[in-house]
Structures are given as C-alpha cells and as structure tokens.
Amino acid sequence: MSIVLKAEVENCISCPCSEKYQIMTPDSFEHYMGIFCSKVEDSELKRYTYDGIITKKLVFSYERPSEIEGQEIPDWCPYKK
C-alpha cells in the first residue's frame, strides 16, 4: 500500500523535507540556525552543528527569526517545477 501526499510550500521552513540545526561558530554569542534540505547531499562542504556534522545542502542560515521572511525556494530544489 502506498499514499501520495501533496503540499503547497511557500518557503523551505514549511517543507517537510527541511531540517533545522544550530550551526557552530567561533563566537559563543552568535546563535546561527541553518535550514538544510534532507533530500540533497552537499559533498563539497561539511557543516559543523551542535548535533554533529551535517552533509546535507544548506538552504539558508539566520540569526534572528525576522530574517526568515522573504526567503525563497532555491532553484536547485528537487521538487521545484
């Protein structure tokens, strides 16, 4: 048995394939969060997060929640038509 789910996604944060991790930085006062696509591997660059090394593609990072607004879905998205 299988099912097909359809969803309208306005940005990567609302996508069920996105993952959110806190990115490690040299400055302990910075609190950068990264939104990663779980469907796309990034073999060129490893990201160090507090949850370990992430090899998924970084969509965008932000420090303040207000920076999330206006983020568009990238052209390399596997579901973008």
C-alpha atoms as a PDB file:
ATOM      1  CA  MET A   1       0.000   0.000   0.000  1.00  0.00           C
ATOM      2  CA  SER A   2       1.271   3.494  -0.779  1.00  0.00           C
ATOM      3  CA  ILE A   3      -0.007   7.019  -0.464  1.00  0.00           C
ATOM      4  CA  VAL A   4       0.667  10.251  -2.291  1.00  0.00           C
ATOM      5  CA  LEU A   5       0.879  13.477  -0.319  1.00  0.00           C
ATOM      6  CA  LYS A   6       0.612  16.875  -1.934  1.00  0.00           C
ATOM      7  CA  ALA A   7       1.508  20.065  -0.137  1.00  0.00           C
ATOM      8  CA  GLU A   8       1.847  23.676  -1.120  1.00  0.00           C
ATOM      9  CA  VAL A   9       5.089  25.029   0.294  1.00  0.00           C
ATOM     10  CA  GLU A  10       5.817  28.761   0.382  1.00  0.00           C
ATOM     11  CA  ASN A  11       9.348  28.500   1.787  1.00  0.00           C
ATOM     12  CA  CYS A  12      11.783  25.809   2.850  1.00  0.00           C
ATOM     13  CA  ILE A  13      10.969  26.097   6.548  1.00  0.00           C
ATOM     14  CA  SER A  14       7.439  24.820   5.934  1.00  0.00           C
ATOM     15  CA  CYS A  15       8.698  21.960   3.720  1.00  0.00           C
ATOM     16  CA  PRO A  16       8.518  18.522   5.354  1.00  0.00           C
ATOM     17  CA  CYS A  17      11.968  17.740   3.863  1.00  0.00           C
ATOM     18  CA  SER A  18      13.734  20.561   5.706  1.00  0.00           C
ATOM     19  CA  GLU A  19      15.870  20.066   8.794  1.00  0.00           C
ATOM     20  CA  LYS A  20      16.887  22.775  11.273  1.00  0.00           C
ATOM     21  CA  TYR A  21      20.193  22.723  13.166  1.00  0.00           C
ATOM     22  CA  GLN A  22      22.160  25.256  15.195  1.00  0.00           C
ATOM     23  CA  ILE A  23      25.431  25.971  13.387  1.00  0.00           C
ATOM     24  CA  MET A  24      28.631  26.143  15.441  1.00  0.00           C
ATOM     25  CA  THR A  25      30.507  29.449  15.204  1.00  0.00           C
ATOM     26  CA  PRO A  26      33.742  30.703  16.806  1.00  0.00           C
ATOM     27  CA  ASP A  27      31.773  33.387  18.662  1.00  0.00           C
ATOM     28  CA  SER A  28      29.762  31.952  21.555  1.00  0.00           C
ATOM     29  CA  PHE A  29      27.369  34.922  21.398  1.00  0.00           C
ATOM     30  CA  GLU A  30      26.228  34.066  17.857  1.00  0.00           C
ATOM     31  CA  HIS A  31      23.293  31.720  17.531  1.00  0.00           C
ATOM     32  CA  TYR A  32      23.031  30.883  13.830  1.00  0.00           C
ATOM     33  CA  MET A  33      20.390  28.400  12.782  1.00  0.00           C
ATOM     34  CA  GLY A  34      20.626  26.587   9.486  1.00  0.00           C
ATOM     35  CA  ILE A  35      17.832  25.218   7.339  1.00  0.00           C
ATOM     36  CA  PHE A  36      19.047  22.172   5.420  1.00  0.00           C
ATOM     37  CA  CYS A  37      17.395  20.124   2.657  1.00  0.00           C
ATOM     38  CA  SER A  38      17.246  16.463   3.691  1.00  0.00           C
ATOM     39  CA  LYS A  39      16.926  15.374   0.042  1.00  0.00           C
ATOM     40  CA  VAL A  40      20.128  16.983  -1.330  1.00  0.00           C
ATOM     41  CA  GLU A  41      23.656  15.964  -0.301  1.00  0.00           C
ATOM     42  CA  ASP A  42      26.452  18.549  -0.271  1.00  0.00           C
ATOM     43  CA  SER A  43      29.636  16.573  -0.840  1.00  0.00           C
ATOM     44  CA  GLU A  44      31.815  19.699  -1.090  1.00  0.00           C
ATOM     45  CA  LEU A  45      31.214  21.171   2.349  1.00  0.00           C
ATOM     46  CA  LYS A  46      30.551  19.754   5.807  1.00  0.00           C
ATOM     47  CA  ARG A  47      28.665  21.921   8.294  1.00  0.00           C
ATOM     48  CA  TYR A  48      29.501  21.617  11.962  1.00  0.00           C
ATOM     49  CA  THR A  49      26.420  21.848  14.164  1.00  0.00           C
ATOM     50  CA  TYR A  50      25.692  21.118  17.795  1.00  0.00           C
ATOM     51  CA  ASP A  51      24.049  17.891  16.569  1.00  0.00           C
ATOM     52  CA  GLY A  52      27.181  16.777  14.687  1.00  0.00           C
ATOM     53  CA  ILE A  53      28.454  17.112  11.126  1.00  0.00           C
ATOM     54  CA  ILE A  54      25.740  17.709   8.536  1.00  0.00           C
ATOM     55  CA  THR A  55      26.399  16.802   4.893  1.00  0.00           C
ATOM     56  CA  LYS A  56      23.039  17.989   3.597  1.00  0.00           C
ATOM     57  CA  LYS A  57      22.757  21.110   1.435  1.00  0.00           C
ATOM     58  CA  LEU A  58      22.321  24.363   3.366  1.00  0.00           C
ATOM     59  CA  VAL A  59      19.331  26.329   2.110  1.00  0.00           C
ATOM     60  CA  PHE A  60      19.987  29.405   4.269  1.00  0.00           C
ATOM     61  CA  SER A  61      21.055  30.421   7.747  1.00  0.00           C
ATOM     62  CA  TYR A  62      19.766  33.087  10.078  1.00  0.00           C
ATOM     63  CA  GLU A  63      20.435  34.555  13.484  1.00  0.00           C
ATOM     64  CA  ARG A  64      17.131  36.344  14.111  1.00  0.00           C
ATOM     65  CA  PRO A  65      13.690  34.951  13.254  1.00  0.00           C
ATOM     66  CA  SER A  66      12.888  38.168  11.372  1.00  0.00           C
ATOM     67  CA  GLU A  67      15.498  37.130   8.764  1.00  0.00           C
ATOM     68  CA  ILE A  68      13.322  34.163   7.717  1.00  0.00           C
ATOM     69  CA  GLU A  69      10.739  36.296   5.946  1.00  0.00           C
ATOM     70  CA  GLY A  70      11.315  36.676   2.234  1.00  0.00           C
ATOM     71  CA  GLN A  71      13.418  33.528   1.867  1.00  0.00           C
ATOM     72  CA  GLU A  72      12.621  31.908  -1.463  1.00  0.00           C
ATOM     73  CA  ILE A  73      12.825  28.290  -2.506  1.00  0.00           C
ATOM     74  CA  PRO A  74      16.193  27.798  -4.275  1.00  0.00           C
ATOM     75  CA  ASP A  75      16.402  26.810  -7.933  1.00  0.00           C
ATOM     76  CA  TRP A  76      18.157  23.535  -7.069  1.00  0.00           C
ATOM     77  CA  CYS A  77      15.190  22.266  -5.034  1.00  0.00           C
ATOM     78  CA  PRO A  78      14.354  18.721  -6.209  1.00  0.00           C
ATOM     79  CA  TYR A  79      10.613  19.487  -6.046  1.00  0.00           C
ATOM     80  CA  LYS A  80      10.635  22.893  -7.717  1.00  0.00           C
ATOM     81  CA  LYS A  81       8.987  22.940 -11.120  1.00  0.00           C
END
